[in-house]
Amino acid sequence: MRSIQHDASRDGIVEDRIKAVRTVLLLCLAAVLLPCASAAKGPGEGKHVVLVSGDEEYRSEQMLPELARILNQRHGFKTTVLFAIDRTDGTVNPNQNDNIPGLEALATADLMILMTRWRDLPDDQSAHIERYIKSGKPIIAIRTATHPFMFKKNLTYAKWSSNSKEWDGGFGRQILGETWISHHGAHAKQATRGIPAPGKEKHRILTGITSVWGPTDVYTVRLPFPPENDVLLLGQVLTGMNPTDPPLEGPKNTPMMPVAWTRTYSYEGGPKGRVFTTTMGSAMDFQDAAFRRLMVNATLWATGLEKKITPKLNVDLTGAKFQPTMFGFNKFTKGLKPTDY
């Protein structure tokens, strides 16, 4: 029988190469996502929240990292933020609508927070989202997430597109409760005041909230609104862009459009999951403490921790790293990496 000798030196070389490959993979992963530091003590300990940014207009790349820091530093959640990444230089580029690396983080997520707009993701990236929703895990959807996908090149998930006829209204309407229809208030001219829907003042998500203000306008939704969408906030169209501006008189506010609701979803007959959707939201909106409280409360509710919601939860901004800029197309800060946020 032929003897087999163990070559320790060769093993060492192989091990060194494996370590090198692992290091490169970790560095590549760090370049496209923003994992927060070890979580502080709080009700969210042991829960992982993955926040997916990727819209060209409302500065999700600014807002979601700060929401992640609040959830992490104030409330104990482990958080990971994903970005639309430029394929040529690795910078954050919301206009790159076909690339959000790191979606495999959803495999360990307890909650996905989605703020994307008309993404045309490749199949290998969309598949991570599909696996997540097949599990029935909870979702929070913000602003343009009612129309998160528009597949033109990558057609495997074409029915998710917001204009889908095969799956009416696509991912937005079928999973989150509504799709894109139109601006109801005048864009960048008439802000929104979200007020509790009648009888919803004591809902857990509205704890500590009497109204929510944001400079983003009210979106149109179909009326009558489907009863499976449990409306929490109605959107007053304001006469201007200031928190103290009065509501507009006339048909724009009679009736008011829903701007936040909860619902239950199931994908392809799978397990049921919780959804909180709001059509408010931008980096500028996030300056409003009531809007931040809405996001924190919704996170606790979505992850089954609604009994931990109190009116005194800390929703303060975390520091100087959050520098919101006005919403608009092609107004993002160029040349930044995820760690710059």
C-alpha atoms as a PDB file:
ATOM      1  CA  MET A   1       0.000   0.000   0.000  1.00  0.00           C
ATOM      2  CA  ARG A   2       1.308   3.412  -0.899  1.00  0.00           C
ATOM      3  CA  SER A   3       2.027   5.584   2.103  1.00  0.00           C
ATOM      4  CA  ILE A   4       0.572   9.085   2.287  1.00  0.00           C
ATOM      5  CA  GLN A   5       2.712  11.735   3.926  1.00  0.00           C
ATOM      6  CA  HIS A   6       1.224  14.787   5.619  1.00  0.00           C
ATOM      7  CA  ASP A   7       2.738  18.002   4.241  1.00  0.00           C
ATOM      8  CA  ALA A   8       2.437  20.480   7.115  1.00  0.00           C
ATOM      9  CA  SER A   9       4.042  23.290   5.125  1.00  0.00           C
ATOM     10  CA  ARG A  10       1.491  22.935   2.340  1.00  0.00           C
ATOM     11  CA  ASP A  11      -1.343  22.996   4.909  1.00  0.00           C
ATOM     12  CA  GLY A  12       0.073  26.197   6.259  1.00  0.00           C
ATOM     13  CA  ILE A  13       0.068  27.796   2.828  1.00  0.00           C
ATOM     14  CA  VAL A  14      -3.543  26.714   2.211  1.00  0.00           C
ATOM     15  CA  GLU A  15      -4.625  28.039   5.602  1.00  0.00           C
ATOM     16  CA  ASP A  16      -2.923  31.382   4.936  1.00  0.00           C
ATOM     17  CA  ARG A  17      -4.726  31.630   1.590  1.00  0.00           C
ATOM     18  CA  ILE A  18      -8.079  30.856   3.205  1.00  0.00           C
ATOM     19  CA  LYS A  19      -7.463  33.560   5.807  1.00  0.00           C
ATOM     20  CA  ALA A  20      -6.549  36.011   3.063  1.00  0.00           C
ATOM     21  CA  VAL A  21      -9.735  35.262   1.132  1.00  0.00           C
ATOM     22  CA  ARG A  22     -11.819  35.667   4.295  1.00  0.00           C
ATOM     23  CA  THR A  23     -10.159  39.020   4.982  1.00  0.00           C
ATOM     24  CA  VAL A  24     -10.919  40.252   1.457  1.00  0.00           C
ATOM     25  CA  LEU A  25     -14.548  39.125   1.749  1.00  0.00           C
ATOM     26  CA  LEU A  26     -14.947  40.900   5.067  1.00  0.00           C
ATOM     27  CA  LEU A  27     -13.390  44.080   3.679  1.00  0.00           C
ATOM     28  CA  CYS A  28     -15.677  43.934   0.634  1.00  0.00           C
ATOM     29  CA  LEU A  29     -18.715  43.442   2.870  1.00  0.00           C
ATOM     30  CA  ALA A  30     -17.685  46.342   5.108  1.00  0.00           C
ATOM     31  CA  ALA A  31     -17.432  48.528   2.016  1.00  0.00           C
ATOM     32  CA  VAL A  32     -21.096  48.102   1.063  1.00  0.00           C
ATOM     33  CA  LEU A  33     -22.955  47.958   4.364  1.00  0.00           C
ATOM     34  CA  LEU A  34     -22.893  49.801   7.652  1.00  0.00           C
ATOM     35  CA  PRO A  35     -23.092  47.531  10.709  1.00  0.00           C
ATOM     36  CA  CYS A  36     -23.561  49.515  13.924  1.00  0.00           C
ATOM     37  CA  ALA A  37     -21.332  48.980  16.931  1.00  0.00           C
ATOM     38  CA  SER A  38     -22.284  46.554  19.669  1.00  0.00           C
ATOM     39  CA  ALA A  39     -25.815  47.293  20.786  1.00  0.00           C
ATOM     40  CA  ALA A  40     -26.522  49.100  24.020  1.00  0.00           C
ATOM     41  CA  LYS A  41     -28.826  47.684  26.667  1.00  0.00           C
ATOM     42  CA  GLY A  42     -32.452  47.983  25.715  1.00  0.00           C
ATOM     43  CA  PRO A  43     -35.666  46.185  24.754  1.00  0.00           C
ATOM     44  CA  GLY A  44     -34.282  45.261  21.339  1.00  0.00           C
ATOM     45  CA  GLU A  45     -31.413  43.138  22.660  1.00  0.00           C
ATOM     46  CA  GLY A  46     -31.066  39.982  20.587  1.00  0.00           C
ATOM     47  CA  LYS A  47     -33.031  41.409  17.640  1.00  0.00           C
ATOM     48  CA  HIS A  48     -31.400  42.218  14.285  1.00  0.00           C
ATOM     49  CA  VAL A  49     -32.829  45.003  12.103  1.00  0.00           C
ATOM     50  CA  VAL A  50     -31.681  45.337   8.482  1.00  0.00           C
ATOM     51  CA  LEU A  51     -32.406  48.747   6.951  1.00  0.00           C
ATOM     52  CA  VAL A  52     -32.411  48.831   3.135  1.00  0.00           C
ATOM     53  CA  SER A  53     -31.897  52.233   1.508  1.00  0.00           C
ATOM     54  CA  GLY A  54     -32.018  53.024  -2.194  1.00  0.00           C
ATOM     55  CA  ASP A  55     -34.132  55.933  -3.409  1.00  0.00           C
ATOM     56  CA  GLU A  56     -33.028  58.803  -5.605  1.00  0.00           C
ATOM     57  CA  GLU A  57     -35.068  61.551  -3.966  1.00  0.00           C
ATOM     58  CA  TYR A  58     -35.779  61.459  -0.242  1.00  0.00           C
ATOM     59  CA  ARG A  59     -32.280  60.812   1.122  1.00  0.00           C
ATOM     60  CA  SER A  60     -32.820  57.359   2.595  1.00  0.00           C
ATOM     61  CA  GLU A  61     -29.025  57.054   2.617  1.00  0.00           C
ATOM     62  CA  GLN A  62     -29.002  59.803   5.269  1.00  0.00           C
ATOM     63  CA  MET A  63     -32.116  58.924   7.242  1.00  0.00           C
ATOM     64  CA  LEU A  64     -31.719  55.174   7.679  1.00  0.00           C
ATOM     65  CA  PRO A  65     -28.194  55.250   9.194  1.00  0.00           C
ATOM     66  CA  GLU A  66     -29.425  57.681  11.854  1.00  0.00           C
ATOM     67  CA  LEU A  67     -32.504  55.564  12.548  1.00  0.00           C
ATOM     68  CA  ALA A  68     -30.159  52.586  12.876  1.00  0.00           C
ATOM     69  CA  ARG A  69     -27.986  54.432  15.404  1.00  0.00           C
ATOM     70  CA  ILE A  70     -31.044  55.377  17.470  1.00  0.00           C
ATOM     71  CA  LEU A  71     -32.291  51.790  17.470  1.00  0.00           C
ATOM     72  CA  ASN A  72     -28.817  50.515  18.313  1.00  0.00           C
ATOM     73  CA  GLN A  73     -27.565  53.060  20.843  1.00  0.00           C
ATOM     74  CA  ARG A  74     -30.878  53.880  22.534  1.00  0.00           C
ATOM     75  CA  HIS A  75     -32.821  50.618  22.334  1.00  0.00           C
ATOM     76  CA  GLY A  76     -30.421  47.706  22.027  1.00  0.00           C
ATOM     77  CA  PHE A  77     -31.096  46.457  18.496  1.00  0.00           C
ATOM     78  CA  LYS A  78     -28.344  45.068  16.334  1.00  0.00           C
ATOM     79  CA  THR A  79     -28.599  47.013  13.070  1.00  0.00           C
ATOM     80  CA  THR A  80     -27.224  46.753   9.549  1.00  0.00           C
ATOM     81  CA  VAL A  81     -27.749  49.441   6.889  1.00  0.00           C
ATOM     82  CA  LEU A  82     -27.528  48.631   3.182  1.00  0.00           C
ATOM     83  CA  PHE A  83     -27.010  51.131   0.369  1.00  0.00           C
ATOM     84  CA  ALA A  84     -27.275  51.472  -3.383  1.00  0.00           C
ATOM     85  CA  ILE A  85     -23.631  51.143  -4.401  1.00  0.00           C
ATOM     86  CA  ASP A  86     -22.019  52.501  -7.555  1.00  0.00           C
ATOM     87  CA  ARG A  87     -20.656  49.579  -9.549  1.00  0.00           C
ATOM     88  CA  THR A  88     -17.648  51.572 -10.789  1.00  0.00           C
ATOM     89  CA  ASP A  89     -16.171  53.115  -7.635  1.00  0.00           C
ATOM     90  CA  GLY A  90     -17.977  51.570  -4.637  1.00  0.00           C
ATOM     91  CA  THR A  91     -19.493  54.832  -3.425  1.00  0.00           C
ATOM     92  CA  VAL A  92     -23.087  55.306  -2.268  1.00  0.00           C
ATOM     93  CA  ASN A  93     -25.065  56.227  -5.369  1.00  0.00           C
ATOM     94  CA  PRO A  94     -28.886  56.249  -5.122  1.00  0.00           C
ATOM     95  CA  ASN A  95     -29.065  56.556  -8.911  1.00  0.00           C
ATOM     96  CA  GLN A  96     -27.527  53.085  -9.254  1.00  0.00           C
ATOM     97  CA  ASN A  97     -30.886  51.338  -9.263  1.00  0.00           C
ATOM     98  CA  ASP A  98     -29.623  47.792  -9.866  1.00  0.00           C
ATOM     99  CA  ASN A  99     -27.213  47.182  -7.003  1.00  0.00           C
ATOM    100  CA  ILE A 100     -27.795  46.856  -3.242  1.00  0.00           C
ATOM    101  CA  PRO A 101     -25.025  44.532  -2.032  1.00  0.00           C
ATOM    102  CA  GLY A 102     -25.253  42.808   1.328  1.00  0.00           C
ATOM    103  CA  LEU A 103     -28.876  41.687   1.183  1.00  0.00           C
ATOM    104  CA  GLU A 104     -27.754  38.309   2.483  1.00  0.00           C
ATOM    105  CA  ALA A 105     -27.874  40.028   5.891  1.00  0.00           C
ATOM    106  CA  LEU A 106     -31.641  39.448   5.733  1.00  0.00           C
ATOM    107  CA  ALA A 107     -30.993  35.769   6.501  1.00  0.00           C
ATOM    108  CA  THR A 108     -30.463  36.690  10.168  1.00  0.00           C
ATOM    109  CA  ALA A 109     -32.843  39.661  10.293  1.00  0.00           C
ATOM    110  CA  ASP A 110     -35.801  39.912  12.652  1.00  0.00           C
ATOM    111  CA  LEU A 111     -37.074  42.997  10.802  1.00  0.00           C
ATOM    112  CA  MET A 112     -36.543  44.587   7.391  1.00  0.00           C
ATOM    113  CA  ILE A 113     -36.974  48.358   7.128  1.00  0.00           C
ATOM    114  CA  LEU A 114     -37.375  49.241   3.458  1.00  0.00           C
ATOM    115  CA  MET A 115     -36.961  52.665   1.851  1.00  0.00           C
ATOM    116  CA  THR A 116     -36.294  52.016  -1.823  1.00  0.00           C
ATOM    117  CA  ARG A 117     -37.705  53.413  -5.047  1.00  0.00           C
ATOM    118  CA  TRP A 118     -38.068  51.596  -8.368  1.00  0.00           C
ATOM    119  CA  ARG A 119     -35.089  49.278  -7.993  1.00  0.00           C
ATOM    120  CA  ASP A 120     -34.244  46.831 -10.799  1.00  0.00           C
ATOM    121  CA  LEU A 121     -32.147  44.411  -8.774  1.00  0.00           C
ATOM    122  CA  PRO A 122     -30.418  41.329 -10.207  1.00  0.00           C
ATOM    123  CA  ASP A 123     -31.950  37.973  -9.376  1.00  0.00           C
ATOM    124  CA  ASP A 124     -29.318  37.018  -6.813  1.00  0.00           C
ATOM    125  CA  GLN A 125     -30.094  40.144  -4.779  1.00  0.00           C
ATOM    126  CA  SER A 126     -33.889  39.961  -5.123  1.00  0.00           C
ATOM    127  CA  ALA A 127     -33.750  36.328  -4.020  1.00  0.00           C
ATOM    128  CA  HIS A 128     -32.642  37.387  -0.533  1.00  0.00           C
ATOM    129  CA  ILE A 129     -35.721  39.599  -0.228  1.00  0.00           C
ATOM    130  CA  GLU A 130     -37.934  36.792  -1.517  1.00  0.00           C
ATOM    131  CA  ARG A 131     -36.573  34.357   1.055  1.00  0.00           C
ATOM    132  CA  TYR A 132     -37.205  36.938   3.759  1.00  0.00           C
ATOM    133  CA  ILE A 133     -40.846  37.551   2.835  1.00  0.00           C
ATOM    134  CA  LYS A 134     -41.480  33.833   2.362  1.00  0.00           C
ATOM    135  CA  SER A 135     -40.643  33.474   6.062  1.00  0.00           C
ATOM    136  CA  GLY A 136     -43.387  35.927   7.066  1.00  0.00           C
ATOM    137  CA  LYS A 137     -41.009  38.129   9.009  1.00  0.00           C
ATOM    138  CA  PRO A 138     -42.084  41.744   9.663  1.00  0.00           C
ATOM    139  CA  ILE A 139     -41.545  44.743   7.383  1.00  0.00           C
ATOM    140  CA  ILE A 140     -41.540  48.496   7.900  1.00  0.00           C
ATOM    141  CA  ALA A 141     -42.011  50.431   4.651  1.00  0.00           C
ATOM    142  CA  ILE A 142     -41.213  54.137   4.339  1.00  0.00           C
ATOM    143  CA  ARG A 143     -42.367  56.644   1.691  1.00  0.00           C
ATOM    144  CA  THR A 144     -41.272  55.367  -1.745  1.00  0.00           C
ATOM    145  CA  ALA A 145     -41.292  51.785  -0.493  1.00  0.00           C
ATOM    146  CA  THR A 146     -44.881  51.655  -1.754  1.00  0.00           C
ATOM    147  CA  HIS A 147     -43.194  51.460  -5.173  1.00  0.00           C
ATOM    148  CA  PRO A 148     -39.925  49.744  -4.296  1.00  0.00           C
ATOM    149  CA  PHE A 149     -39.272  47.886  -7.557  1.00  0.00           C
ATOM    150  CA  MET A 150     -39.516  48.440 -11.301  1.00  0.00           C
ATOM    151  CA  PHE A 151     -37.979  45.537 -13.177  1.00  0.00           C
ATOM    152  CA  LYS A 152     -37.009  46.299 -16.761  1.00  0.00           C
ATOM    153  CA  LYS A 153     -33.765  44.332 -17.197  1.00  0.00           C
ATOM    154  CA  ASN A 154     -34.072  41.618 -14.558  1.00  0.00           C
ATOM    155  CA  LEU A 155     -37.482  40.090 -15.205  1.00  0.00           C
ATOM    156  CA  THR A 156     -37.617  37.091 -12.873  1.00  0.00           C
ATOM    157  CA  TYR A 157     -39.388  39.219 -10.267  1.00  0.00           C
ATOM    158  CA  ALA A 158     -41.233  41.455 -12.747  1.00  0.00           C
ATOM    159  CA  LYS A 159     -44.552  40.905 -10.950  1.00  0.00           C
ATOM    160  CA  TRP A 160     -43.113  42.872  -8.014  1.00  0.00           C
ATOM    161  CA  SER A 161     -43.011  46.031 -10.178  1.00  0.00           C
ATOM    162  CA  SER A 162     -45.284  48.825  -8.989  1.00  0.00           C
ATOM    163  CA  ASN A 163     -47.183  48.894 -12.299  1.00  0.00           C
ATOM    164  CA  SER A 164     -47.731  45.128 -12.373  1.00  0.00           C
ATOM    165  CA  LYS A 165     -50.968  43.912 -13.879  1.00  0.00           C
ATOM    166  CA  GLU A 166     -50.125  40.256 -13.192  1.00  0.00           C
ATOM    167  CA  TRP A 167     -49.946  40.978  -9.431  1.00  0.00           C
ATOM    168  CA  ASP A 168     -52.059  44.118  -9.069  1.00  0.00           C
ATOM    169  CA  GLY A 169     -49.839  46.955  -7.904  1.00  0.00           C
ATOM    170  CA  GLY A 170     -46.876  44.667  -7.354  1.00  0.00           C
ATOM    171  CA  PHE A 171     -44.915  44.272  -4.123  1.00  0.00           C
ATOM    172  CA  GLY A 172     -46.132  47.629  -2.799  1.00  0.00           C
ATOM    173  CA  ARG A 173     -49.843  46.959  -2.986  1.00  0.00           C
ATOM    174  CA  GLN A 174     -49.770  43.208  -2.370  1.00  0.00           C
ATOM    175  CA  ILE A 175     -47.300  43.140   0.538  1.00  0.00           C
ATOM    176  CA  LEU A 176     -47.270  46.677   1.947  1.00  0.00           C
ATOM    177  CA  GLY A 177     -50.823  47.841   1.262  1.00  0.00           C
ATOM    178  CA  GLU A 178     -50.515  50.353  -1.578  1.00  0.00           C
ATOM    179  CA  THR A 179     -48.532  51.254  -4.678  1.00  0.00           C
ATOM    180  CA  TRP A 180     -47.558  54.538  -6.303  1.00  0.00           C
ATOM    181  CA  ILE A 181     -50.502  56.571  -7.623  1.00  0.00           C
ATOM    182  CA  SER A 182     -49.632  60.286  -7.474  1.00  0.00           C
ATOM    183  CA  HIS A 183     -48.786  63.257  -5.294  1.00  0.00           C
ATOM    184  CA  HIS A 184     -51.895  64.433  -3.460  1.00  0.00           C
ATOM    185  CA  GLY A 185     -50.386  67.523  -1.860  1.00  0.00           C
ATOM    186  CA  ALA A 186     -48.282  69.877  -3.948  1.00  0.00           C
ATOM    187  CA  HIS A 187     -44.768  68.449  -3.963  1.00  0.00           C
ATOM    188  CA  ALA A 188     -42.227  70.616  -2.090  1.00  0.00           C
ATOM    189  CA  LYS A 189     -44.909  73.256  -1.523  1.00  0.00           C
ATOM    190  CA  GLN A 190     -47.433  71.661   0.841  1.00  0.00           C
ATOM    191  CA  ALA A 191     -46.124  69.741   3.848  1.00  0.00           C
ATOM    192  CA  THR A 192     -47.940  67.009   5.780  1.00  0.00           C
ATOM    193  CA  ARG A 193     -49.344  66.837   9.286  1.00  0.00           C
ATOM    194  CA  GLY A 194     -50.192  63.287  10.252  1.00  0.00           C
ATOM    195  CA  ILE A 195     -52.997  63.104  12.799  1.00  0.00           C
ATOM    196  CA  PRO A 196     -54.388  59.979  14.498  1.00  0.00           C
ATOM    197  CA  ALA A 197     -57.288  58.365  12.687  1.00  0.00           C
ATOM    198  CA  PRO A 198     -60.493  58.348  14.746  1.00  0.00           C
ATOM    199  CA  GLY A 199     -60.322  55.650  17.417  1.00  0.00           C
ATOM    200  CA  LYS A 200     -56.586  54.985  16.889  1.00  0.00           C
ATOM    201  CA  GLU A 201     -55.232  57.509  19.371  1.00  0.00           C
ATOM    202  CA  LYS A 202     -54.295  54.756  21.832  1.00  0.00           C
ATOM    203  CA  HIS A 203     -52.706  52.362  19.362  1.00  0.00           C
ATOM    204  CA  ARG A 204     -49.317  51.198  20.640  1.00  0.00           C
ATOM    205  CA  ILE A 205     -47.477  52.681  17.666  1.00  0.00           C
ATOM    206  CA  LEU A 206     -48.937  56.125  18.428  1.00  0.00           C
ATOM    207  CA  THR A 207     -47.841  56.085  22.072  1.00  0.00           C
ATOM    208  CA  GLY A 208     -46.527  59.529  22.960  1.00  0.00           C
ATOM    209  CA  ILE A 209     -47.625  60.992  19.610  1.00  0.00           C
ATOM    210  CA  THR A 210     -50.334  63.603  19.064  1.00  0.00           C
ATOM    211  CA  SER A 211     -49.296  64.552  15.518  1.00  0.00           C
ATOM    212  CA  VAL A 212     -46.404  64.012  13.123  1.00  0.00           C
ATOM    213  CA  TRP A 213     -45.017  66.672  10.790  1.00  0.00           C
ATOM    214  CA  GLY A 214     -42.935  66.327   7.666  1.00  0.00           C
ATOM    215  CA  PRO A 215     -42.074  68.560   4.701  1.00  0.00           C
ATOM    216  CA  THR A 216     -42.851  65.711   2.311  1.00  0.00           C
ATOM    217  CA  ASP A 217     -46.295  65.940   0.730  1.00  0.00           C
ATOM    218  CA  VAL A 218     -49.246  63.591   1.126  1.00  0.00           C
ATOM    219  CA  TYR A 219     -49.385  60.704  -1.365  1.00  0.00           C
ATOM    220  CA  THR A 220     -52.617  59.682  -3.057  1.00  0.00           C
ATOM    221  CA  VAL A 221     -54.015  56.277  -2.118  1.00  0.00           C
ATOM    222  CA  ARG A 222     -57.051  54.485  -3.559  1.00  0.00           C
ATOM    223  CA  LEU A 223     -60.299  55.195  -1.761  1.00  0.00           C
ATOM    224  CA  PRO A 224     -62.111  53.486  -0.228  1.00  0.00           C
ATOM    225  CA  PHE A 225     -58.957  52.137   1.377  1.00  0.00           C
ATOM    226  CA  PRO A 226     -58.953  48.339   1.764  1.00  0.00           C
ATOM    227  CA  PRO A 227     -60.204  47.306   5.227  1.00  0.00           C
ATOM    228  CA  GLU A 228     -57.212  45.006   5.739  1.00  0.00           C
ATOM    229  CA  ASN A 229     -55.108  48.178   6.000  1.00  0.00           C
ATOM    230  CA  ASP A 230     -55.645  49.403   9.564  1.00  0.00           C
ATOM    231  CA  VAL A 231     -55.197  53.177   9.226  1.00  0.00           C
ATOM    232  CA  LEU A 232     -53.346  54.877  12.091  1.00  0.00           C
ATOM    233  CA  LEU A 233     -52.581  58.337  10.685  1.00  0.00           C
ATOM    234  CA  LEU A 234     -54.431  60.586   8.256  1.00  0.00           C
ATOM    235  CA  GLY A 235     -52.497  63.224   6.331  1.00  0.00           C
ATOM    236  CA  GLN A 236     -53.511  66.866   6.503  1.00  0.00           C
ATOM    237  CA  VAL A 237     -52.281  68.757   3.454  1.00  0.00           C
ATOM    238  CA  LEU A 238     -50.857  72.006   4.821  1.00  0.00           C
ATOM    239  CA  THR A 239     -50.878  75.407   3.114  1.00  0.00           C
ATOM    240  CA  GLY A 240     -47.096  75.649   3.261  1.00  0.00           C
ATOM    241  CA  MET A 241     -43.894  73.968   4.366  1.00  0.00           C
ATOM    242  CA  ASN A 242     -43.826  74.936   8.040  1.00  0.00           C
ATOM    243  CA  PRO A 243     -45.034  72.862  11.036  1.00  0.00           C
ATOM    244  CA  THR A 244     -47.326  75.680  12.144  1.00  0.00           C
ATOM    245  CA  ASP A 245     -49.024  76.167   8.762  1.00  0.00           C
ATOM    246  CA  PRO A 246     -52.795  75.520   8.807  1.00  0.00           C
ATOM    247  CA  PRO A 247     -54.450  72.754   6.820  1.00  0.00           C
ATOM    248  CA  LEU A 248     -55.522  73.557   3.289  1.00  0.00           C
ATOM    249  CA  GLU A 249     -59.235  74.165   2.894  1.00  0.00           C
ATOM    250  CA  GLY A 250     -61.212  72.295   0.300  1.00  0.00           C
ATOM    251  CA  PRO A 251     -61.291  68.838  -1.314  1.00  0.00           C
ATOM    252  CA  LYS A 252     -57.633  67.967  -0.669  1.00  0.00           C
ATOM    253  CA  ASN A 253     -58.515  67.382   2.988  1.00  0.00           C
ATOM    254  CA  THR A 254     -62.077  66.091   2.617  1.00  0.00           C
ATOM    255  CA  PRO A 255     -61.426  63.273   3.054  1.00  0.00           C
ATOM    256  CA  MET A 256     -57.825  63.099   4.203  1.00  0.00           C
ATOM    257  CA  MET A 257     -55.597  60.395   2.770  1.00  0.00           C
ATOM    258  CA  PRO A 258     -54.191  57.637   5.004  1.00  0.00           C
ATOM    259  CA  VAL A 259     -50.442  58.175   5.546  1.00  0.00           C
ATOM    260  CA  ALA A 260     -49.676  55.337   7.992  1.00  0.00           C
ATOM    261  CA  TRP A 261     -51.232  51.919   8.497  1.00  0.00           C
ATOM    262  CA  THR A 262     -50.606  48.383   9.677  1.00  0.00           C
ATOM    263  CA  ARG A 263     -51.550  45.171   7.912  1.00  0.00           C
ATOM    264  CA  THR A 264     -50.762  41.473   7.750  1.00  0.00           C
ATOM    265  CA  TYR A 265     -49.147  39.940   4.677  1.00  0.00           C
ATOM    266  CA  SER A 266     -48.523  36.456   3.356  1.00  0.00           C
ATOM    267  CA  TYR A 267     -46.381  35.671   0.319  1.00  0.00           C
ATOM    268  CA  GLU A 268     -47.452  32.748  -1.838  1.00  0.00           C
ATOM    269  CA  GLY A 269     -49.459  31.187   0.976  1.00  0.00           C
ATOM    270  CA  GLY A 270     -46.582  31.268   3.439  1.00  0.00           C
ATOM    271  CA  PRO A 271     -46.555  32.379   7.097  1.00  0.00           C
ATOM    272  CA  LYS A 272     -48.239  35.667   7.952  1.00  0.00           C
ATOM    273  CA  GLY A 273     -46.192  38.688   8.956  1.00  0.00           C
ATOM    274  CA  ARG A 274     -46.678  42.172  10.346  1.00  0.00           C
ATOM    275  CA  VAL A 275     -46.334  45.291   8.196  1.00  0.00           C
ATOM    276  CA  PHE A 276     -46.192  48.963   9.121  1.00  0.00           C
ATOM    277  CA  THR A 277     -46.288  51.341   6.155  1.00  0.00           C
ATOM    278  CA  THR A 278     -46.024  55.122   6.094  1.00  0.00           C
ATOM    279  CA  THR A 279     -45.995  57.345   3.021  1.00  0.00           C
ATOM    280  CA  MET A 280     -44.291  60.061   5.045  1.00  0.00           C
ATOM    281  CA  GLY A 281     -40.538  60.071   5.332  1.00  0.00           C
ATOM    282  CA  SER A 282     -37.293  61.713   4.256  1.00  0.00           C
ATOM    283  CA  ALA A 283     -34.092  62.804   5.931  1.00  0.00           C
ATOM    284  CA  MET A 284     -35.750  66.184   6.494  1.00  0.00           C
ATOM    285  CA  ASP A 285     -38.848  64.555   8.024  1.00  0.00           C
ATOM    286  CA  PHE A 286     -36.533  62.720  10.420  1.00  0.00           C
ATOM    287  CA  GLN A 287     -35.721  66.003  12.154  1.00  0.00           C
ATOM    288  CA  ASP A 288     -39.215  65.848  13.662  1.00  0.00           C
ATOM    289  CA  ALA A 289     -39.094  64.066  17.029  1.00  0.00           C
ATOM    290  CA  ALA A 290     -42.626  62.721  16.604  1.00  0.00           C
ATOM    291  CA  PHE A 291     -41.663  61.101  13.298  1.00  0.00           C
ATOM    292  CA  ARG A 292     -38.631  59.507  14.947  1.00  0.00           C
ATOM    293  CA  ARG A 293     -40.866  58.240  17.739  1.00  0.00           C
ATOM    294  CA  LEU A 294     -43.221  56.783  15.136  1.00  0.00           C
ATOM    295  CA  MET A 295     -40.297  54.849  13.633  1.00  0.00           C
ATOM    296  CA  VAL A 296     -39.022  53.567  16.989  1.00  0.00           C
ATOM    297  CA  ASN A 297     -42.498  52.582  18.166  1.00  0.00           C
ATOM    298  CA  ALA A 298     -43.187  50.827  14.865  1.00  0.00           C
ATOM    299  CA  THR A 299     -39.931  48.889  15.172  1.00  0.00           C
ATOM    300  CA  LEU A 300     -40.867  47.622  18.625  1.00  0.00           C
ATOM    301  CA  TRP A 301     -44.383  46.756  17.458  1.00  0.00           C
ATOM    302  CA  ALA A 302     -43.167  44.954  14.345  1.00  0.00           C
ATOM    303  CA  THR A 303     -40.718  42.823  16.328  1.00  0.00           C
ATOM    304  CA  GLY A 304     -43.366  41.807  18.864  1.00  0.00           C
ATOM    305  CA  LEU A 305     -42.091  44.123  21.589  1.00  0.00           C
ATOM    306  CA  GLU A 306     -45.111  46.440  21.723  1.00  0.00           C
ATOM    307  CA  LYS A 307     -45.379  46.044  25.493  1.00  0.00           C
ATOM    308  CA  LYS A 308     -42.003  47.772  25.750  1.00  0.00           C
ATOM    309  CA  ILE A 309     -43.321  50.954  24.106  1.00  0.00           C
ATOM    310  CA  THR A 310     -43.627  53.918  26.486  1.00  0.00           C
ATOM    311  CA  PRO A 311     -44.152  57.665  25.912  1.00  0.00           C
ATOM    312  CA  LYS A 312     -40.664  58.338  27.276  1.00  0.00           C
ATOM    313  CA  LEU A 313     -38.572  56.200  24.935  1.00  0.00           C
ATOM    314  CA  ASN A 314     -35.439  58.110  23.946  1.00  0.00           C
ATOM    315  CA  VAL A 315     -35.664  59.188  20.300  1.00  0.00           C
ATOM    316  CA  ASP A 316     -33.031  61.937  20.446  1.00  0.00           C
ATOM    317  CA  LEU A 317     -30.652  62.268  17.528  1.00  0.00           C
ATOM    318  CA  THR A 318     -27.297  60.667  18.220  1.00  0.00           C
ATOM    319  CA  GLY A 319     -24.856  63.350  17.135  1.00  0.00           C
ATOM    320  CA  ALA A 320     -23.309  65.451  14.401  1.00  0.00           C
ATOM    321  CA  LYS A 321     -23.006  62.645  11.839  1.00  0.00           C
ATOM    322  CA  PHE A 322     -26.641  63.139  10.793  1.00  0.00           C
ATOM    323  CA  GLN A 323     -26.669  66.132   8.457  1.00  0.00           C
ATOM    324  CA  PRO A 324     -29.949  65.979   6.507  1.00  0.00           C
ATOM    325  CA  THR A 325     -30.274  67.746   3.180  1.00  0.00           C
ATOM    326  CA  MET A 326     -33.368  68.735   1.230  1.00  0.00           C
ATOM    327  CA  PHE A 327     -35.023  66.068  -0.857  1.00  0.00           C
ATOM    328  CA  GLY A 328     -34.804  66.156  -4.626  1.00  0.00           C
ATOM    329  CA  PHE A 329     -33.348  64.239  -7.535  1.00  0.00           C
ATOM    330  CA  ASN A 330     -29.569  64.314  -8.051  1.00  0.00           C
ATOM    331  CA  LYS A 331     -29.054  66.133  -4.758  1.00  0.00           C
ATOM    332  CA  PHE A 332     -27.232  63.342  -2.942  1.00  0.00           C
ATOM    333  CA  THR A 333     -23.677  63.939  -1.743  1.00  0.00           C
ATOM    334  CA  LYS A 334     -21.347  62.256  -4.197  1.00  0.00           C
ATOM    335  CA  GLY A 335     -18.221  60.339  -3.331  1.00  0.00           C
ATOM    336  CA  LEU A 336     -19.261  58.995   0.092  1.00  0.00           C
ATOM    337  CA  LYS A 337     -18.796  55.434   1.313  1.00  0.00           C
ATOM    338  CA  PRO A 338     -21.210  53.686   3.719  1.00  0.00           C
ATOM    339  CA  THR A 339     -18.891  54.373   6.656  1.00  0.00           C
ATOM    340  CA  ASP A 340     -19.183  58.123   5.961  1.00  0.00           C
ATOM    341  CA  TYR A 341     -22.814  57.924   7.075  1.00  0.00           C
END
